[in-house]
Amino acid sequence: MIAYLAAMEEINPWKTLKSEVKYDNNWIRLTEHQVINPSGGEGIYGTVHFKNLAIGILPLDENYNTWLVGQYRYPLNAYSWEIPEGGGPFNEAPLESARRELLEETGISARAWKEIQRIHLSNSVSDELSIIYIATDLIEGIAMPEETEQLVVKKLPFNEAYQMVLDGKITDSMSVAAILKAKLMMLNGEL
């Protein structure tokens, strides 16, 4: 029975009848699919394909301080505190994208990097993959945000950022995942 259930996990119960691209730009492609759903009924399913990796970085100094980036997020119509993050082209090594994003958003470069998590950010509608790093052995410099970014950079104790997650003041999925994973690693003596 267990072997049967394991085999069922690998079988796609959806059947695609037709797909049509409804929107396409440099960052995303939105496709509408005419489908037969797992129950056998006809329906539609919209998917968003992301044309870059999502990259997140949790910088930690020797005193367990970190940096958050605050900015107004247009889709949410709200201000958001997040770890430094951005997009990485698929033809670039993810670590190089992480180095660039950390420097661009905070002015920080790091001598030590560790990948801590890979997550799909909204797998019910998109294929967006995120790779999250912890950056240590930090060198502070001058931030160089993109013209579309109006950022506030805040240095704070890691435990304060952790409490912001617990209090619901940080809601960005990459930031929540990074901070919770780092806290677990700290509790397990891995950081």
C-alpha atoms as a PDB file:
ATOM      1  CA  MET A   1       0.000   0.000   0.000  1.00  0.00           C
ATOM      2  CA  ILE A   2       2.835   2.426   0.831  1.00  0.00           C
ATOM      3  CA  ALA A   3       4.513   1.739  -2.527  1.00  0.00           C
ATOM      4  CA  TYR A   4       1.177   2.418  -4.276  1.00  0.00           C
ATOM      5  CA  LEU A   5       0.753   5.757  -2.460  1.00  0.00           C
ATOM      6  CA  ALA A   6       4.349   6.749  -3.236  1.00  0.00           C
ATOM      7  CA  ALA A   7       3.753   5.990  -6.929  1.00  0.00           C
ATOM      8  CA  MET A   8       0.552   8.088  -6.859  1.00  0.00           C
ATOM      9  CA  GLU A   9       2.573  11.095  -5.666  1.00  0.00           C
ATOM     10  CA  GLU A  10       4.454  11.077  -8.968  1.00  0.00           C
ATOM     11  CA  ILE A  11       1.404  10.902 -11.259  1.00  0.00           C
ATOM     12  CA  ASN A  12       0.018  14.208 -12.582  1.00  0.00           C
ATOM     13  CA  PRO A  13      -3.801  14.034 -12.201  1.00  0.00           C
ATOM     14  CA  TRP A  14      -4.323  17.159 -14.339  1.00  0.00           C
ATOM     15  CA  LYS A  15      -4.830  17.044 -18.109  1.00  0.00           C
ATOM     16  CA  THR A  16      -4.085  20.168 -20.156  1.00  0.00           C
ATOM     17  CA  LEU A  17      -6.374  20.623 -23.144  1.00  0.00           C
ATOM     18  CA  LYS A  18      -5.081  23.974 -24.358  1.00  0.00           C
ATOM     19  CA  SER A  19      -2.784  26.747 -23.128  1.00  0.00           C
ATOM     20  CA  GLU A  20      -2.719  30.413 -24.118  1.00  0.00           C
ATOM     21  CA  VAL A  21      -0.283  33.120 -23.036  1.00  0.00           C
ATOM     22  CA  LYS A  22      -2.356  36.049 -21.786  1.00  0.00           C
ATOM     23  CA  TYR A  23       0.459  38.382 -20.732  1.00  0.00           C
ATOM     24  CA  ASP A  24       4.228  38.436 -21.139  1.00  0.00           C
ATOM     25  CA  ASN A  25       6.927  40.938 -20.109  1.00  0.00           C
ATOM     26  CA  ASN A  26      10.607  40.840 -19.100  1.00  0.00           C
ATOM     27  CA  TRP A  27       9.837  39.394 -15.651  1.00  0.00           C
ATOM     28  CA  ILE A  28       6.726  37.212 -15.861  1.00  0.00           C
ATOM     29  CA  ARG A  29       4.501  35.287 -18.259  1.00  0.00           C
ATOM     30  CA  LEU A  30       0.840  34.620 -17.423  1.00  0.00           C
ATOM     31  CA  THR A  31      -0.726  31.590 -19.109  1.00  0.00           C
ATOM     32  CA  GLU A  32      -4.336  30.410 -18.992  1.00  0.00           C
ATOM     33  CA  HIS A  33      -4.796  26.654 -19.312  1.00  0.00           C
ATOM     34  CA  GLN A  34      -7.982  24.837 -20.250  1.00  0.00           C
ATOM     35  CA  VAL A  35      -7.818  21.708 -18.085  1.00  0.00           C
ATOM     36  CA  ILE A  36      -9.484  18.548 -16.905  1.00  0.00           C
ATOM     37  CA  ASN A  37      -9.068  18.674 -13.122  1.00  0.00           C
ATOM     38  CA  PRO A  38      -8.273  15.649 -10.915  1.00  0.00           C
ATOM     39  CA  SER A  39     -12.013  14.995 -10.393  1.00  0.00           C
ATOM     40  CA  GLY A  40     -12.615  14.847 -14.155  1.00  0.00           C
ATOM     41  CA  GLY A  41     -14.294  18.241 -14.537  1.00  0.00           C
ATOM     42  CA  GLU A  42     -13.353  20.880 -17.082  1.00  0.00           C
ATOM     43  CA  GLY A  43     -11.953  24.161 -15.862  1.00  0.00           C
ATOM     44  CA  ILE A  44      -9.280  26.812 -16.205  1.00  0.00           C
ATOM     45  CA  TYR A  45      -6.006  27.271 -14.388  1.00  0.00           C
ATOM     46  CA  GLY A  46      -3.843  30.363 -14.550  1.00  0.00           C
ATOM     47  CA  THR A  47      -0.093  30.083 -13.997  1.00  0.00           C
ATOM     48  CA  VAL A  48       2.597  32.704 -13.607  1.00  0.00           C
ATOM     49  CA  HIS A  49       6.065  31.817 -14.876  1.00  0.00           C
ATOM     50  CA  PHE A  50       8.880  33.858 -13.366  1.00  0.00           C
ATOM     51  CA  LYS A  51      11.857  34.621 -15.599  1.00  0.00           C
ATOM     52  CA  ASN A  52      14.355  34.981 -12.717  1.00  0.00           C
ATOM     53  CA  LEU A  53      15.199  33.209  -9.498  1.00  0.00           C
ATOM     54  CA  ALA A  54      14.140  34.921  -6.294  1.00  0.00           C
ATOM     55  CA  ILE A  55      17.223  35.500  -4.154  1.00  0.00           C
ATOM     56  CA  GLY A  56      17.198  36.324  -0.433  1.00  0.00           C
ATOM     57  CA  ILE A  57      20.083  37.098   1.898  1.00  0.00           C
ATOM     58  CA  LEU A  58      20.160  37.195   5.682  1.00  0.00           C
ATOM     59  CA  PRO A  59      23.326  39.079   6.658  1.00  0.00           C
ATOM     60  CA  LEU A  60      24.626  38.327  10.157  1.00  0.00           C
ATOM     61  CA  ASP A  61      27.573  40.041  11.803  1.00  0.00           C
ATOM     62  CA  GLU A  62      29.741  38.584  14.584  1.00  0.00           C
ATOM     63  CA  ASN A  63      27.343  40.018  17.221  1.00  0.00           C
ATOM     64  CA  TYR A  64      24.272  38.497  15.556  1.00  0.00           C
ATOM     65  CA  ASN A  65      22.994  41.778  14.180  1.00  0.00           C
ATOM     66  CA  THR A  66      21.198  41.703  10.856  1.00  0.00           C
ATOM     67  CA  TRP A  67      19.930  44.201   8.293  1.00  0.00           C
ATOM     68  CA  LEU A  68      16.376  44.612   7.051  1.00  0.00           C
ATOM     69  CA  VAL A  69      15.245  46.568   4.035  1.00  0.00           C
ATOM     70  CA  GLY A  70      12.021  48.559   4.209  1.00  0.00           C
ATOM     71  CA  GLN A  71      10.108  49.548   1.126  1.00  0.00           C
ATOM     72  CA  TYR A  72       6.619  50.182  -0.153  1.00  0.00           C
ATOM     73  CA  ARG A  73       5.375  47.113  -2.036  1.00  0.00           C
ATOM     74  CA  TYR A  74       3.062  48.125  -4.875  1.00  0.00           C
ATOM     75  CA  PRO A  75       1.121  44.798  -5.120  1.00  0.00           C
ATOM     76  CA  LEU A  76       0.315  44.890  -1.392  1.00  0.00           C
ATOM     77  CA  ASN A  77      -0.365  48.619  -1.239  1.00  0.00           C
ATOM     78  CA  ALA A  78       1.632  48.504   1.993  1.00  0.00           C
ATOM     79  CA  TYR A  79       5.073  49.051   3.500  1.00  0.00           C
ATOM     80  CA  SER A  80       7.152  45.922   4.067  1.00  0.00           C
ATOM     81  CA  TRP A  81      10.248  45.034   6.108  1.00  0.00           C
ATOM     82  CA  GLU A  82      12.277  42.283   4.469  1.00  0.00           C
ATOM     83  CA  ILE A  83      15.684  40.700   4.260  1.00  0.00           C
ATOM     84  CA  PRO A  84      17.693  41.987   1.272  1.00  0.00           C
ATOM     85  CA  GLU A  85      16.311  40.236  -1.791  1.00  0.00           C
ATOM     86  CA  GLY A  86      15.933  40.480  -5.517  1.00  0.00           C
ATOM     87  CA  GLY A  87      15.973  38.616  -8.806  1.00  0.00           C
ATOM     88  CA  GLY A  88      18.744  36.532 -10.253  1.00  0.00           C
ATOM     89  CA  PRO A  89      18.927  35.695 -13.952  1.00  0.00           C
ATOM     90  CA  PHE A  90      18.856  31.953 -14.692  1.00  0.00           C
ATOM     91  CA  ASN A  91      22.097  32.286 -16.660  1.00  0.00           C
ATOM     92  CA  GLU A  92      23.941  33.663 -13.599  1.00  0.00           C
ATOM     93  CA  ALA A  93      25.122  31.613 -10.613  1.00  0.00           C
ATOM     94  CA  PRO A  94      22.645  32.196  -7.749  1.00  0.00           C
ATOM     95  CA  LEU A  95      25.461  33.095  -5.361  1.00  0.00           C
ATOM     96  CA  GLU A  96      26.637  35.852  -7.723  1.00  0.00           C
ATOM     97  CA  SER A  97      23.086  37.229  -7.780  1.00  0.00           C
ATOM     98  CA  ALA A  98      23.033  37.126  -3.977  1.00  0.00           C
ATOM     99  CA  ARG A  99      26.351  38.988  -3.738  1.00  0.00           C
ATOM    100  CA  ARG A 100      25.063  41.672  -6.117  1.00  0.00           C
ATOM    101  CA  GLU A 101      21.706  42.101  -4.349  1.00  0.00           C
ATOM    102  CA  LEU A 102      23.245  42.360  -0.875  1.00  0.00           C
ATOM    103  CA  LEU A 103      25.739  44.991  -2.035  1.00  0.00           C
ATOM    104  CA  GLU A 104      23.155  46.895  -4.060  1.00  0.00           C
ATOM    105  CA  GLU A 105      20.517  47.087  -1.318  1.00  0.00           C
ATOM    106  CA  THR A 106      22.671  47.441   1.815  1.00  0.00           C
ATOM    107  CA  GLY A 107      26.217  48.283   0.726  1.00  0.00           C
ATOM    108  CA  ILE A 108      27.391  45.107   2.470  1.00  0.00           C
ATOM    109  CA  SER A 109      29.705  42.509   0.997  1.00  0.00           C
ATOM    110  CA  ALA A 110      30.432  39.197   2.711  1.00  0.00           C
ATOM    111  CA  ARG A 111      33.361  36.805   2.749  1.00  0.00           C
ATOM    112  CA  ALA A 112      31.324  33.770   3.867  1.00  0.00           C
ATOM    113  CA  TRP A 113      28.104  32.473   2.334  1.00  0.00           C
ATOM    114  CA  LYS A 114      25.854  29.523   3.135  1.00  0.00           C
ATOM    115  CA  GLU A 115      22.748  28.455   1.245  1.00  0.00           C
ATOM    116  CA  ILE A 116      20.107  27.638   3.861  1.00  0.00           C
ATOM    117  CA  GLN A 117      16.815  27.195   2.021  1.00  0.00           C
ATOM    118  CA  ARG A 118      15.106  26.691  -1.325  1.00  0.00           C
ATOM    119  CA  ILE A 119      11.382  27.394  -1.404  1.00  0.00           C
ATOM    120  CA  HIS A 120       8.616  27.814  -3.970  1.00  0.00           C
ATOM    121  CA  LEU A 121       6.991  31.111  -3.094  1.00  0.00           C
ATOM    122  CA  SER A 122       3.420  30.523  -4.263  1.00  0.00           C
ATOM    123  CA  ASN A 123       3.220  27.087  -5.836  1.00  0.00           C
ATOM    124  CA  SER A 124      -0.542  27.155  -6.339  1.00  0.00           C
ATOM    125  CA  VAL A 125      -0.162  29.758  -9.103  1.00  0.00           C
ATOM    126  CA  SER A 126       3.520  30.184  -9.916  1.00  0.00           C
ATOM    127  CA  ASP A 127       6.800  28.365 -10.488  1.00  0.00           C
ATOM    128  CA  GLU A 128       8.877  31.007  -8.665  1.00  0.00           C
ATOM    129  CA  LEU A 129      11.832  29.423  -6.895  1.00  0.00           C
ATOM    130  CA  SER A 130      13.677  31.211  -4.111  1.00  0.00           C
ATOM    131  CA  ILE A 131      17.197  30.499  -2.898  1.00  0.00           C
ATOM    132  CA  ILE A 132      18.086  31.952   0.494  1.00  0.00           C
ATOM    133  CA  TYR A 133      21.575  32.503   1.885  1.00  0.00           C
ATOM    134  CA  ILE A 134      23.131  33.546   5.160  1.00  0.00           C
ATOM    135  CA  ALA A 135      26.007  35.958   4.630  1.00  0.00           C
ATOM    136  CA  THR A 136      28.676  36.372   7.341  1.00  0.00           C
ATOM    137  CA  ASP A 137      32.099  37.953   7.789  1.00  0.00           C
ATOM    138  CA  LEU A 138      30.638  41.223   6.567  1.00  0.00           C
ATOM    139  CA  ILE A 139      32.207  44.393   5.177  1.00  0.00           C
ATOM    140  CA  GLU A 140      29.989  47.475   5.293  1.00  0.00           C
ATOM    141  CA  GLY A 141      29.926  49.931   2.427  1.00  0.00           C
ATOM    142  CA  ILE A 142      27.502  52.185   0.546  1.00  0.00           C
ATOM    143  CA  ALA A 143      24.172  50.920  -0.826  1.00  0.00           C
ATOM    144  CA  MET A 144      23.390  51.435  -4.520  1.00  0.00           C
ATOM    145  CA  PRO A 145      19.671  50.650  -4.973  1.00  0.00           C
ATOM    146  CA  GLU A 146      18.055  50.495  -8.397  1.00  0.00           C
ATOM    147  CA  GLU A 147      16.108  53.534  -9.584  1.00  0.00           C
ATOM    148  CA  THR A 148      12.805  51.727  -8.894  1.00  0.00           C
ATOM    149  CA  GLU A 149      13.754  51.126  -5.254  1.00  0.00           C
ATOM    150  CA  GLN A 150      13.218  53.617  -2.459  1.00  0.00           C
ATOM    151  CA  LEU A 151      14.753  51.688   0.419  1.00  0.00           C
ATOM    152  CA  VAL A 152      15.281  52.206   4.119  1.00  0.00           C
ATOM    153  CA  VAL A 153      18.009  49.970   5.544  1.00  0.00           C
ATOM    154  CA  LYS A 154      17.869  49.125   9.242  1.00  0.00           C
ATOM    155  CA  LYS A 155      20.512  47.320  11.317  1.00  0.00           C
ATOM    156  CA  LEU A 156      19.063  45.508  14.324  1.00  0.00           C
ATOM    157  CA  PRO A 157      19.736  42.530  16.606  1.00  0.00           C
ATOM    158  CA  PHE A 158      18.712  39.268  14.959  1.00  0.00           C
ATOM    159  CA  ASN A 159      16.379  38.433  17.862  1.00  0.00           C
ATOM    160  CA  GLU A 160      14.485  41.669  17.202  1.00  0.00           C
ATOM    161  CA  ALA A 161      13.937  40.594  13.579  1.00  0.00           C
ATOM    162  CA  TYR A 162      12.847  37.170  14.866  1.00  0.00           C
ATOM    163  CA  GLN A 163      10.311  38.849  17.160  1.00  0.00           C
ATOM    164  CA  MET A 164       9.040  40.921  14.219  1.00  0.00           C
ATOM    165  CA  VAL A 165       8.274  37.641  12.421  1.00  0.00           C
ATOM    166  CA  LEU A 166       6.476  36.258  15.488  1.00  0.00           C
ATOM    167  CA  ASP A 167       4.491  39.503  15.837  1.00  0.00           C
ATOM    168  CA  GLY A 168       3.450  39.499  12.169  1.00  0.00           C
ATOM    169  CA  LYS A 169       5.435  42.660  11.400  1.00  0.00           C
ATOM    170  CA  ILE A 170       7.473  40.787   8.778  1.00  0.00           C
ATOM    171  CA  THR A 171       5.199  38.952   6.335  1.00  0.00           C
ATOM    172  CA  ASP A 172       7.390  38.524   3.247  1.00  0.00           C
ATOM    173  CA  SER A 173       7.702  34.755   2.713  1.00  0.00           C
ATOM    174  CA  MET A 174      11.443  34.695   1.978  1.00  0.00           C
ATOM    175  CA  SER A 175      12.141  36.826   5.036  1.00  0.00           C
ATOM    176  CA  VAL A 176       9.972  34.692   7.316  1.00  0.00           C
ATOM    177  CA  ALA A 177      11.580  31.487   6.019  1.00  0.00           C
ATOM    178  CA  ALA A 178      15.122  32.868   6.345  1.00  0.00           C
ATOM    179  CA  ILE A 179      14.665  34.224   9.855  1.00  0.00           C
ATOM    180  CA  LEU A 180      12.892  31.123  11.185  1.00  0.00           C
ATOM    181  CA  LYS A 181      15.469  28.809   9.586  1.00  0.00           C
ATOM    182  CA  ALA A 182      18.343  30.876  11.019  1.00  0.00           C
ATOM    183  CA  LYS A 183      16.769  30.794  14.487  1.00  0.00           C
ATOM    184  CA  LEU A 184      16.476  27.004  14.269  1.00  0.00           C
ATOM    185  CA  MET A 185      20.092  26.770  13.129  1.00  0.00           C
ATOM    186  CA  MET A 186      21.146  28.930  16.075  1.00  0.00           C
ATOM    187  CA  LEU A 187      19.207  26.758  18.531  1.00  0.00           C
ATOM    188  CA  ASN A 188      20.878  23.664  17.033  1.00  0.00           C
ATOM    189  CA  GLY A 189      24.355  25.217  17.288  1.00  0.00           C
ATOM    190  CA  GLU A 190      24.787  25.422  13.511  1.00  0.00           C
ATOM    191  CA  LEU A 191      25.348  29.212  13.509  1.00  0.00           C
END
